[in-house]
Amino acid sequence: MRLKRSALAVLLVCSTACLASSRSQRAHGAAVFAESGCTHCHTIRNNGGGNKGPDLSGVGRRLTEARMRQQILAGSKVMPSFKDSLQENDLADLLAYLRSCRDKKKQ
């Protein structure tokens, strides 16, 4: 019984730490989104002034992390590549933020 309580306590501490880390990672990712100039072309939840690129409010529901990573790093005909301007930890946090953007499209 005591072992079960100890295991539960460890699990709760780890879960809380993971949630805090995840929240911090998403917050930093939102800052990276703004600082990298993404808001010039994109909006998320009506934040940003861009209309050149798609609204990314639901991107976390529509695209896989691998697809988002590829788009950010390789760019496209209209989107520049951010391969040389993002550090790996910034990219990871940006992807965590974008994955959290799961709003449904308004009818």
PDB file of N, CA and C in Angstrom:
ATOM      1  N   MET A   1       0.820  -1.193   0.000  1.00  0.00           N
ATOM      2  CA  MET A   1       0.000   0.000   0.000  1.00  0.00           C
ATOM      3  C   MET A   1       0.867   1.261   0.000  1.00  0.00           C
ATOM      4  N   ARG A   2       1.908   1.222   0.826  1.00  0.00           N
ATOM      5  CA  ARG A   2       2.800   2.380   0.903  1.00  0.00           C
ATOM      6  C   ARG A   2       3.520   2.605  -0.428  1.00  0.00           C
ATOM      7  N   LEU A   3       3.899   1.510  -1.084  1.00  0.00           N
ATOM      8  CA  LEU A   3       4.561   1.592  -2.383  1.00  0.00           C
ATOM      9  C   LEU A   3       3.630   2.229  -3.422  1.00  0.00           C
ATOM     10  N   LYS A   4       2.360   1.884  -3.363  1.00  0.00           N
ATOM     11  CA  LYS A   4       1.389   2.454  -4.309  1.00  0.00           C
ATOM     12  C   LYS A   4       1.252   3.955  -4.096  1.00  0.00           C
ATOM     13  N   ARG A   5       1.213   4.391  -2.835  1.00  0.00           N
ATOM     14  CA  ARG A   5       1.126   5.829  -2.544  1.00  0.00           C
ATOM     15  C   ARG A   5       2.363   6.558  -3.041  1.00  0.00           C
ATOM     16  N   SER A   6       3.518   5.959  -2.832  1.00  0.00           N
ATOM     17  CA  SER A   6       4.767   6.578  -3.292  1.00  0.00           C
ATOM     18  C   SER A   6       4.776   6.687  -4.816  1.00  0.00           C
ATOM     19  N   ALA A   7       4.357   5.629  -5.471  1.00  0.00           N
ATOM     20  CA  ALA A   7       4.311   5.638  -6.933  1.00  0.00           C
ATOM     21  C   ALA A   7       3.328   6.695  -7.429  1.00  0.00           C
ATOM     22  N   LEU A   8       2.192   6.813  -6.784  1.00  0.00           N
ATOM     23  CA  LEU A   8       1.202   7.817  -7.159  1.00  0.00           C
ATOM     24  C   LEU A   8       1.758   9.218  -6.951  1.00  0.00           C
ATOM     25  N   ALA A   9       2.449   9.434  -5.853  1.00  0.00           N
ATOM     26  CA  ALA A   9       3.036  10.746  -5.583  1.00  0.00           C
ATOM     27  C   ALA A   9       4.065  11.113  -6.650  1.00  0.00           C
ATOM     28  N   VAL A  10       4.908  10.171  -7.022  1.00  0.00           N
ATOM     29  CA  VAL A  10       5.905  10.413  -8.061  1.00  0.00           C
ATOM     30  C   VAL A  10       5.216  10.724  -9.383  1.00  0.00           C
ATOM     31  N   LEU A  11       4.178   9.991  -9.709  1.00  0.00           N
ATOM     32  CA  LEU A  11       3.435  10.217 -10.938  1.00  0.00           C
ATOM     33  C   LEU A  11       2.819  11.616 -10.964  1.00  0.00           C
ATOM     34  N   LEU A  12       2.242  12.042  -9.859  1.00  0.00           N
ATOM     35  CA  LEU A  12       1.642  13.373  -9.789  1.00  0.00           C
ATOM     36  C   LEU A  12       2.687  14.468  -9.953  1.00  0.00           C
ATOM     37  N   VAL A  13       3.825  14.316  -9.310  1.00  0.00           N
ATOM     38  CA  VAL A  13       4.894  15.309  -9.425  1.00  0.00           C
ATOM     39  C   VAL A  13       5.385  15.386 -10.868  1.00  0.00           C
ATOM     40  N   CYS A  14       5.593  14.242 -11.483  1.00  0.00           N
ATOM     41  CA  CYS A  14       6.057  14.214 -12.879  1.00  0.00           C
ATOM     42  C   CYS A  14       5.024  14.822 -13.823  1.00  0.00           C
ATOM     43  N   SER A  15       3.760  14.524 -13.616  1.00  0.00           N
ATOM     44  CA  SER A  15       2.704  15.069 -14.460  1.00  0.00           C
ATOM     45  C   SER A  15       2.637  16.577 -14.343  1.00  0.00           C
ATOM     46  N   THR A  16       2.730  17.085 -13.135  1.00  0.00           N
ATOM     47  CA  THR A  16       2.693  18.525 -12.909  1.00  0.00           C
ATOM     48  C   THR A  16       3.888  19.203 -13.566  1.00  0.00           C
ATOM     49  N   ALA A  17       5.060  18.597 -13.431  1.00  0.00           N
ATOM     50  CA  ALA A  17       6.267  19.159 -14.049  1.00  0.00           C
ATOM     51  C   ALA A  17       6.154  19.159 -15.561  1.00  0.00           C
ATOM     52  N   CYS A  18       5.602  18.095 -16.132  1.00  0.00           N
ATOM     53  CA  CYS A  18       5.434  18.020 -17.583  1.00  0.00           C
ATOM     54  C   CYS A  18       4.453  19.075 -18.076  1.00  0.00           C
ATOM     55  N   LEU A  19       3.355  19.274 -17.369  1.00  0.00           N
ATOM     56  CA  LEU A  19       2.384  20.292 -17.762  1.00  0.00           C
ATOM     57  C   LEU A  19       2.982  21.682 -17.689  1.00  0.00           C
ATOM     58  N   ALA A  20       3.731  21.963 -16.635  1.00  0.00           N
ATOM     59  CA  ALA A  20       4.364  23.272 -16.495  1.00  0.00           C
ATOM     60  C   ALA A  20       5.381  23.479 -17.608  1.00  0.00           C
ATOM     61  N   SER A  21       6.163  22.454 -17.889  1.00  0.00           N
ATOM     62  CA  SER A  21       7.157  22.528 -18.950  1.00  0.00           C
ATOM     63  C   SER A  21       6.477  22.755 -20.293  1.00  0.00           C
ATOM     64  N   SER A  22       5.409  22.027 -20.542  1.00  0.00           N
ATOM     65  CA  SER A  22       4.678  22.148 -21.785  1.00  0.00           C
ATOM     66  C   SER A  22       4.088  23.551 -21.933  1.00  0.00           C
ATOM     67  N   ARG A  23       3.534  24.079 -20.868  1.00  0.00           N
ATOM     68  CA  ARG A  23       2.957  25.427 -20.884  1.00  0.00           C
ATOM     69  C   ARG A  23       4.038  26.463 -21.168  1.00  0.00           C
ATOM     70  N   SER A  24       5.191  26.293 -20.525  1.00  0.00           N
ATOM     71  CA  SER A  24       6.323  27.192 -20.728  1.00  0.00           C
ATOM     72  C   SER A  24       6.827  27.087 -22.167  1.00  0.00           C
ATOM     73  N   GLN A  25       6.876  25.863 -22.677  1.00  0.00           N
ATOM     74  CA  GLN A  25       7.329  25.637 -24.044  1.00  0.00           C
ATOM     75  C   GLN A  25       6.380  26.317 -25.035  1.00  0.00           C
ATOM     76  N   ARG A  26       5.081  26.177 -24.819  1.00  0.00           N
ATOM     77  CA  ARG A  26       4.105  26.818 -25.714  1.00  0.00           C
ATOM     78  C   ARG A  26       4.202  28.335 -25.638  1.00  0.00           C
ATOM     79  N   ALA A  27       4.404  28.875 -24.441  1.00  0.00           N
ATOM     80  CA  ALA A  27       4.529  30.324 -24.283  1.00  0.00           C
ATOM     81  C   ALA A  27       5.756  30.835 -25.037  1.00  0.00           C
ATOM     82  N   HIS A  28       6.866  30.117 -24.901  1.00  0.00           N
ATOM     83  CA  HIS A  28       8.068  30.512 -25.638  1.00  0.00           C
ATOM     84  C   HIS A  28       7.823  30.375 -27.137  1.00  0.00           C
ATOM     85  N   GLY A  29       7.119  29.331 -27.559  1.00  0.00           N
ATOM     86  CA  GLY A  29       6.799  29.151 -28.973  1.00  0.00           C
ATOM     87  C   GLY A  29       5.961  30.288 -29.526  1.00  0.00           C
ATOM     88  N   ALA A  30       5.028  30.794 -28.722  1.00  0.00           N
ATOM     89  CA  ALA A  30       4.216  31.944 -29.144  1.00  0.00           C
ATOM     90  C   ALA A  30       5.108  33.174 -29.324  1.00  0.00           C
ATOM     91  N   ALA A  31       6.080  33.330 -28.440  1.00  0.00           N
ATOM     92  CA  ALA A  31       7.026  34.446 -28.563  1.00  0.00           C
ATOM     93  C   ALA A  31       7.878  34.290 -29.822  1.00  0.00           C
ATOM     94  N   VAL A  32       8.317  33.080 -30.101  1.00  0.00           N
ATOM     95  CA  VAL A  32       9.100  32.814 -31.313  1.00  0.00           C
ATOM     96  C   VAL A  32       8.260  33.143 -32.540  1.00  0.00           C
ATOM     97  N   PHE A  33       6.984  32.759 -32.519  1.00  0.00           N
ATOM     98  CA  PHE A  33       6.063  33.049 -33.620  1.00  0.00           C
ATOM     99  C   PHE A  33       6.017  34.556 -33.888  1.00  0.00           C
ATOM    100  N   ALA A  34       5.887  35.331 -32.834  1.00  0.00           N
ATOM    101  CA  ALA A  34       5.810  36.786 -32.987  1.00  0.00           C
ATOM    102  C   ALA A  34       7.162  37.383 -33.392  1.00  0.00           C
ATOM    103  N   GLU A  35       8.224  36.964 -32.733  1.00  0.00           N
ATOM    104  CA  GLU A  35       9.547  37.537 -32.972  1.00  0.00           C
ATOM    105  C   GLU A  35      10.121  37.164 -34.334  1.00  0.00           C
ATOM    106  N   SER A  36       9.699  36.041 -34.878  1.00  0.00           N
ATOM    107  CA  SER A  36      10.214  35.597 -36.179  1.00  0.00           C
ATOM    108  C   SER A  36       9.484  36.244 -37.343  1.00  0.00           C
ATOM    109  N   GLY A  37       8.501  37.057 -37.044  1.00  0.00           N
ATOM    110  CA  GLY A  37       7.777  37.759 -38.096  1.00  0.00           C
ATOM    111  C   GLY A  37       6.620  36.992 -38.695  1.00  0.00           C
ATOM    112  N   CYS A  38       6.247  35.892 -38.077  1.00  0.00           N
ATOM    113  CA  CYS A  38       5.146  35.071 -38.612  1.00  0.00           C
ATOM    114  C   CYS A  38       3.843  35.858 -38.690  1.00  0.00           C
ATOM    115  N   THR A  39       3.667  36.810 -37.765  1.00  0.00           N
ATOM    116  CA  THR A  39       2.422  37.586 -37.721  1.00  0.00           C
ATOM    117  C   THR A  39       2.305  38.565 -38.888  1.00  0.00           C
ATOM    118  N   HIS A  40       3.369  38.731 -39.661  1.00  0.00           N
ATOM    119  CA  HIS A  40       3.270  39.584 -40.850  1.00  0.00           C
ATOM    120  C   HIS A  40       2.402  38.918 -41.920  1.00  0.00           C
ATOM    121  N   CYS A  41       2.383  37.583 -41.907  1.00  0.00           N
ATOM    122  CA  CYS A  41       1.626  36.854 -42.932  1.00  0.00           C
ATOM    123  C   CYS A  41       0.485  36.004 -42.373  1.00  0.00           C
ATOM    124  N   HIS A  42       0.558  35.654 -41.086  1.00  0.00           N
ATOM    125  CA  HIS A  42      -0.419  34.733 -40.489  1.00  0.00           C
ATOM    126  C   HIS A  42      -1.131  35.374 -39.305  1.00  0.00           C
ATOM    127  N   THR A  43      -2.307  34.839 -38.995  1.00  0.00           N
ATOM    128  CA  THR A  43      -3.008  35.190 -37.765  1.00  0.00           C
ATOM    129  C   THR A  43      -3.304  33.897 -37.003  1.00  0.00           C
ATOM    130  N   ILE A  44      -3.412  34.029 -35.708  1.00  0.00           N
ATOM    131  CA  ILE A  44      -3.863  32.945 -34.842  1.00  0.00           C
ATOM    132  C   ILE A  44      -4.828  33.567 -33.856  1.00  0.00           C
ATOM    133  N   ARG A  45      -6.051  33.083 -33.850  1.00  0.00           N
ATOM    134  CA  ARG A  45      -7.097  33.591 -32.949  1.00  0.00           C
ATOM    135  C   ARG A  45      -7.209  35.120 -33.026  1.00  0.00           C
ATOM    136  N   ASN A  46      -7.241  35.613 -34.239  1.00  0.00           N
ATOM    137  CA  ASN A  46      -7.376  37.044 -34.525  1.00  0.00           C
ATOM    138  C   ASN A  46      -6.188  37.886 -34.062  1.00  0.00           C
ATOM    139  N   ASN A  47      -5.071  37.251 -33.738  1.00  0.00           N
ATOM    140  CA  ASN A  47      -3.852  37.976 -33.387  1.00  0.00           C
ATOM    141  C   ASN A  47      -2.894  37.908 -34.563  1.00  0.00           C
ATOM    142  N   GLY A  48      -2.364  39.035 -34.924  1.00  0.00           N
ATOM    143  CA  GLY A  48      -1.472  39.126 -36.071  1.00  0.00           C
ATOM    144  C   GLY A  48      -2.159  39.918 -37.151  1.00  0.00           C
ATOM    145  N   GLY A  49      -1.375  40.506 -37.999  1.00  0.00           N
ATOM    146  CA  GLY A  49      -1.943  41.362 -39.028  1.00  0.00           C
ATOM    147  C   GLY A  49      -1.862  40.776 -40.415  1.00  0.00           C
ATOM    148  N   GLY A  50      -1.413  39.549 -40.487  1.00  0.00           N
ATOM    149  CA  GLY A  50      -1.161  38.985 -41.804  1.00  0.00           C
ATOM    150  C   GLY A  50      -2.368  38.384 -42.465  1.00  0.00           C
ATOM    151  N   ASN A  51      -2.425  38.559 -43.766  1.00  0.00           N
ATOM    152  CA  ASN A  51      -3.451  37.875 -44.552  1.00  0.00           C
ATOM    153  C   ASN A  51      -2.841  37.260 -45.804  1.00  0.00           C
ATOM    154  N   LYS A  52      -1.508  37.294 -45.913  1.00  0.00           N
ATOM    155  CA  LYS A  52      -0.826  36.654 -47.045  1.00  0.00           C
ATOM    156  C   LYS A  52      -0.851  35.138 -46.889  1.00  0.00           C
ATOM    157  N   GLY A  53      -0.672  34.670 -45.652  1.00  0.00           N
ATOM    158  CA  GLY A  53      -0.678  33.243 -45.366  1.00  0.00           C
ATOM    159  C   GLY A  53      -1.981  32.846 -44.702  1.00  0.00           C
ATOM    160  N   PRO A  54      -2.187  31.549 -44.535  1.00  0.00           N
ATOM    161  CA  PRO A  54      -3.435  31.090 -43.924  1.00  0.00           C
ATOM    162  C   PRO A  54      -3.529  31.418 -42.432  1.00  0.00           C
ATOM    163  N   ASP A  55      -4.753  31.506 -41.951  1.00  0.00           N
ATOM    164  CA  ASP A  55      -5.016  31.620 -40.518  1.00  0.00           C
ATOM    165  C   ASP A  55      -4.597  30.291 -39.892  1.00  0.00           C
ATOM    166  N   LEU A  56      -3.770  30.348 -38.876  1.00  0.00           N
ATOM    167  CA  LEU A  56      -3.239  29.131 -38.259  1.00  0.00           C
ATOM    168  C   LEU A  56      -3.949  28.753 -36.960  1.00  0.00           C
ATOM    169  N   SER A  57      -5.127  29.290 -36.732  1.00  0.00           N
ATOM    170  CA  SER A  57      -5.856  29.006 -35.493  1.00  0.00           C
ATOM    171  C   SER A  57      -6.132  27.525 -35.281  1.00  0.00           C
ATOM    172  N   GLY A  58      -6.296  26.763 -36.336  1.00  0.00           N
ATOM    173  CA  GLY A  58      -6.586  25.335 -36.207  1.00  0.00           C
ATOM    174  C   GLY A  58      -5.500  24.438 -36.786  1.00  0.00           C
ATOM    175  N   VAL A  59      -4.311  24.983 -36.970  1.00  0.00           N
ATOM    176  CA  VAL A  59      -3.244  24.230 -37.631  1.00  0.00           C
ATOM    177  C   VAL A  59      -2.865  22.961 -36.871  1.00  0.00           C
ATOM    178  N   GLY A  60      -2.944  22.980 -35.552  1.00  0.00           N
ATOM    179  CA  GLY A  60      -2.589  21.815 -34.749  1.00  0.00           C
ATOM    180  C   GLY A  60      -3.553  20.656 -34.938  1.00  0.00           C
ATOM    181  N   ARG A  61      -4.735  20.950 -35.406  1.00  0.00           N
ATOM    182  CA  ARG A  61      -5.738  19.925 -35.686  1.00  0.00           C
ATOM    183  C   ARG A  61      -5.606  19.423 -37.129  1.00  0.00           C
ATOM    184  N   ARG A  62      -5.153  20.287 -38.026  1.00  0.00           N
ATOM    185  CA  ARG A  62      -5.107  19.963 -39.451  1.00  0.00           C
ATOM    186  C   ARG A  62      -3.813  19.298 -39.913  1.00  0.00           C
ATOM    187  N   LEU A  63      -2.676  19.722 -39.356  1.00  0.00           N
ATOM    188  CA  LEU A  63      -1.384  19.242 -39.852  1.00  0.00           C
ATOM    189  C   LEU A  63      -0.619  18.466 -38.790  1.00  0.00           C
ATOM    190  N   THR A  64       0.171  17.518 -39.229  1.00  0.00           N
ATOM    191  CA  THR A  64       1.040  16.787 -38.302  1.00  0.00           C
ATOM    192  C   THR A  64       2.236  17.658 -37.955  1.00  0.00           C
ATOM    193  N   GLU A  65       2.897  17.294 -36.873  1.00  0.00           N
ATOM    194  CA  GLU A  65       4.099  18.030 -36.488  1.00  0.00           C
ATOM    195  C   GLU A  65       5.152  17.944 -37.592  1.00  0.00           C
ATOM    196  N   ALA A  66       5.292  16.779 -38.199  1.00  0.00           N
ATOM    197  CA  ALA A  66       6.279  16.602 -39.272  1.00  0.00           C
ATOM    198  C   ALA A  66       5.985  17.531 -40.454  1.00  0.00           C
ATOM    199  N   ARG A  67       4.718  17.682 -40.795  1.00  0.00           N
ATOM    200  CA  ARG A  67       4.334  18.553 -41.914  1.00  0.00           C
ATOM    201  C   ARG A  67       4.596  20.015 -41.578  1.00  0.00           C
ATOM    202  N   MET A  68       4.287  20.404 -40.333  1.00  0.00           N
ATOM    203  CA  MET A  68       4.547  21.783 -39.921  1.00  0.00           C
ATOM    204  C   MET A  68       6.050  22.065 -39.936  1.00  0.00           C
ATOM    205  N   ARG A  69       6.837  21.121 -39.424  1.00  0.00           N
ATOM    206  CA  ARG A  69       8.296  21.271 -39.390  1.00  0.00           C
ATOM    207  C   ARG A  69       8.831  21.461 -40.808  1.00  0.00           C
ATOM    208  N   GLN A  70       8.370  20.635 -41.721  1.00  0.00           N
ATOM    209  CA  GLN A  70       8.833  20.727 -43.103  1.00  0.00           C
ATOM    210  C   GLN A  70       8.490  22.084 -43.710  1.00  0.00           C
ATOM    211  N   GLN A  71       7.276  22.551 -43.481  1.00  0.00           N
ATOM    212  CA  GLN A  71       6.836  23.836 -44.033  1.00  0.00           C
ATOM    213  C   GLN A  71       7.682  24.978 -43.482  1.00  0.00           C
ATOM    214  N   ILE A  72       7.957  24.956 -42.190  1.00  0.00           N
ATOM    215  CA  ILE A  72       8.738  26.021 -41.560  1.00  0.00           C
ATOM    216  C   ILE A  72      10.177  26.004 -42.074  1.00  0.00           C
ATOM    217  N   LEU A  73      10.764  24.828 -42.139  1.00  0.00           N
ATOM    218  CA  LEU A  73      12.172  24.733 -42.527  1.00  0.00           C
ATOM    219  C   LEU A  73      12.403  24.903 -44.026  1.00  0.00           C
ATOM    220  N   ALA A  74      11.512  24.359 -44.841  1.00  0.00           N
ATOM    221  CA  ALA A  74      11.709  24.419 -46.290  1.00  0.00           C
ATOM    222  C   ALA A  74      11.027  25.618 -46.936  1.00  0.00           C
ATOM    223  N   GLY A  75       9.965  26.127 -46.305  1.00  0.00           N
ATOM    224  CA  GLY A  75       9.219  27.209 -46.921  1.00  0.00           C
ATOM    225  C   GLY A  75       8.420  26.704 -48.111  1.00  0.00           C
ATOM    226  N   SER A  76       8.008  27.626 -48.971  1.00  0.00           N
ATOM    227  CA  SER A  76       7.251  27.290 -50.174  1.00  0.00           C
ATOM    228  C   SER A  76       7.440  28.415 -51.173  1.00  0.00           C
ATOM    229  N   LYS A  77       6.634  28.421 -52.214  1.00  0.00           N
ATOM    230  CA  LYS A  77       6.748  29.489 -53.216  1.00  0.00           C
ATOM    231  C   LYS A  77       6.485  30.863 -52.602  1.00  0.00           C
ATOM    232  N   VAL A  78       5.586  30.920 -51.626  1.00  0.00           N
ATOM    233  CA  VAL A  78       5.225  32.214 -51.037  1.00  0.00           C
ATOM    234  C   VAL A  78       5.741  32.401 -49.610  1.00  0.00           C
ATOM    235  N   MET A  79       6.180  31.332 -48.971  1.00  0.00           N
ATOM    236  CA  MET A  79       6.673  31.420 -47.588  1.00  0.00           C
ATOM    237  C   MET A  79       8.185  31.193 -47.569  1.00  0.00           C
ATOM    238  N   PRO A  80       8.916  32.086 -46.901  1.00  0.00           N
ATOM    239  CA  PRO A  80      10.367  31.881 -46.836  1.00  0.00           C
ATOM    240  C   PRO A  80      10.730  30.710 -45.922  1.00  0.00           C
ATOM    241  N   SER A  81      11.907  30.183 -46.139  1.00  0.00           N
ATOM    242  CA  SER A  81      12.441  29.132 -45.274  1.00  0.00           C
ATOM    243  C   SER A  81      12.986  29.762 -43.998  1.00  0.00           C
ATOM    244  N   PHE A  82      12.762  29.101 -42.875  1.00  0.00           N
ATOM    245  CA  PHE A  82      13.301  29.564 -41.600  1.00  0.00           C
ATOM    246  C   PHE A  82      14.392  28.618 -41.096  1.00  0.00           C
ATOM    247  N   LYS A  83      14.905  27.801 -42.014  1.00  0.00           N
ATOM    248  CA  LYS A  83      15.920  26.799 -41.676  1.00  0.00           C
ATOM    249  C   LYS A  83      17.157  27.437 -41.055  1.00  0.00           C
ATOM    250  N   ASP A  84      17.597  28.564 -41.575  1.00  0.00           N
ATOM    251  CA  ASP A  84      18.824  29.190 -41.104  1.00  0.00           C
ATOM    252  C   ASP A  84      18.606  30.197 -39.979  1.00  0.00           C
ATOM    253  N   SER A  85      17.357  30.483 -39.646  1.00  0.00           N
ATOM    254  CA  SER A  85      17.121  31.519 -38.637  1.00  0.00           C
ATOM    255  C   SER A  85      16.550  30.999 -37.323  1.00  0.00           C
ATOM    256  N   LEU A  86      16.172  29.729 -37.257  1.00  0.00           N
ATOM    257  CA  LEU A  86      15.614  29.175 -36.016  1.00  0.00           C
ATOM    258  C   LEU A  86      16.560  28.147 -35.396  1.00  0.00           C
ATOM    259  N   GLN A  87      16.825  28.307 -34.119  1.00  0.00           N
ATOM    260  CA  GLN A  87      17.573  27.299 -33.379  1.00  0.00           C
ATOM    261  C   GLN A  87      16.647  26.111 -33.144  1.00  0.00           C
ATOM    262  N   GLU A  88      17.199  24.931 -32.936  1.00  0.00           N
ATOM    263  CA  GLU A  88      16.389  23.721 -32.764  1.00  0.00           C
ATOM    264  C   GLU A  88      15.426  23.842 -31.581  1.00  0.00           C
ATOM    265  N   ASN A  89      15.888  24.416 -30.454  1.00  0.00           N
ATOM    266  CA  ASN A  89      14.992  24.539 -29.298  1.00  0.00           C
ATOM    267  C   ASN A  89      13.862  25.538 -29.580  1.00  0.00           C
ATOM    268  N   ASP A  90      14.150  26.589 -30.335  1.00  0.00           N
ATOM    269  CA  ASP A  90      13.102  27.540 -30.709  1.00  0.00           C
ATOM    270  C   ASP A  90      12.091  26.877 -31.643  1.00  0.00           C
ATOM    271  N   LEU A  91      12.589  26.084 -32.577  1.00  0.00           N
ATOM    272  CA  LEU A  91      11.710  25.361 -33.487  1.00  0.00           C
ATOM    273  C   LEU A  91      10.824  24.381 -32.721  1.00  0.00           C
ATOM    274  N   ALA A  92      11.400  23.662 -31.769  1.00  0.00           N
ATOM    275  CA  ALA A  92      10.622  22.703 -30.969  1.00  0.00           C
ATOM    276  C   ALA A  92       9.514  23.418 -30.201  1.00  0.00           C
ATOM    277  N   ASP A  93       9.828  24.572 -29.624  1.00  0.00           N
ATOM    278  CA  ASP A  93       8.821  25.322 -28.874  1.00  0.00           C
ATOM    279  C   ASP A  93       7.766  25.917 -29.807  1.00  0.00           C
ATOM    280  N   LEU A  94       8.192  26.393 -30.967  1.00  0.00           N
ATOM    281  CA  LEU A  94       7.239  26.905 -31.957  1.00  0.00           C
ATOM    282  C   LEU A  94       6.279  25.804 -32.383  1.00  0.00           C
ATOM    283  N   LEU A  95       6.806  24.612 -32.626  1.00  0.00           N
ATOM    284  CA  LEU A  95       5.946  23.488 -33.000  1.00  0.00           C
ATOM    285  C   LEU A  95       4.994  23.106 -31.872  1.00  0.00           C
ATOM    286  N   ALA A  96       5.459  23.168 -30.626  1.00  0.00           N
ATOM    287  CA  ALA A  96       4.572  22.888 -29.481  1.00  0.00           C
ATOM    288  C   ALA A  96       3.431  23.892 -29.449  1.00  0.00           C
ATOM    289  N   TYR A  97       3.748  25.152 -29.711  1.00  0.00           N
ATOM    290  CA  TYR A  97       2.723  26.197 -29.741  1.00  0.00           C
ATOM    291  C   TYR A  97       1.737  25.941 -30.887  1.00  0.00           C
ATOM    292  N   LEU A  98       2.256  25.674 -32.074  1.00  0.00           N
ATOM    293  CA  LEU A  98       1.374  25.449 -33.224  1.00  0.00           C
ATOM    294  C   LEU A  98       0.511  24.204 -33.039  1.00  0.00           C
ATOM    295  N   ARG A  99       1.066  23.165 -32.420  1.00  0.00           N
ATOM    296  CA  ARG A  99       0.273  21.960 -32.149  1.00  0.00           C
ATOM    297  C   ARG A  99      -0.876  22.272 -31.188  1.00  0.00           C
ATOM    298  N   SER A 100      -0.689  23.270 -30.318  1.00  0.00           N
ATOM    299  CA  SER A 100      -1.742  23.622 -29.365  1.00  0.00           C
ATOM    300  C   SER A 100      -2.852  24.457 -30.009  1.00  0.00           C
ATOM    301  N   CYS A 101      -2.625  24.933 -31.206  1.00  0.00           N
ATOM    302  CA  CYS A 101      -3.625  25.737 -31.922  1.00  0.00           C
ATOM    303  C   CYS A 101      -4.593  24.776 -32.605  1.00  0.00           C
ATOM    304  N   ARG A 102      -5.706  24.500 -31.950  1.00  0.00           N
ATOM    305  CA  ARG A 102      -6.622  23.466 -32.416  1.00  0.00           C
ATOM    306  C   ARG A 102      -8.055  23.991 -32.598  1.00  0.00           C
ATOM    307  N   ASP A 103      -8.207  25.305 -32.778  1.00  0.00           N
ATOM    308  CA  ASP A 103      -9.545  25.865 -32.937  1.00  0.00           C
ATOM    309  C   ASP A 103     -10.229  25.282 -34.166  1.00  0.00           C
ATOM    310  N   LYS A 104     -11.528  25.079 -34.045  1.00  0.00           N
ATOM    311  CA  LYS A 104     -12.315  24.599 -35.176  1.00  0.00           C
ATOM    312  C   LYS A 104     -12.651  25.788 -36.063  1.00  0.00           C
ATOM    313  N   LYS A 105     -12.760  25.507 -37.355  1.00  0.00           N
ATOM    314  CA  LYS A 105     -13.106  26.533 -38.312  1.00  0.00           C
ATOM    315  C   LYS A 105     -14.524  27.031 -38.041  1.00  0.00           C
ATOM    316  N   LYS A 106     -14.696  28.347 -38.015  1.00  0.00           N
ATOM    317  CA  LYS A 106     -16.027  28.912 -37.779  1.00  0.00           C
ATOM    318  C   LYS A 106     -16.862  28.809 -39.038  1.00  0.00           C
ATOM    319  N   GLN A 107     -18.109  28.464 -38.856  1.00  0.00           N
ATOM    320  CA  GLN A 107     -19.025  28.291 -39.991  1.00  0.00           C
ATOM    321  C   GLN A 107     -19.572  29.616 -40.445  1.00  0.00           C
TER     322      GLN A 107
END
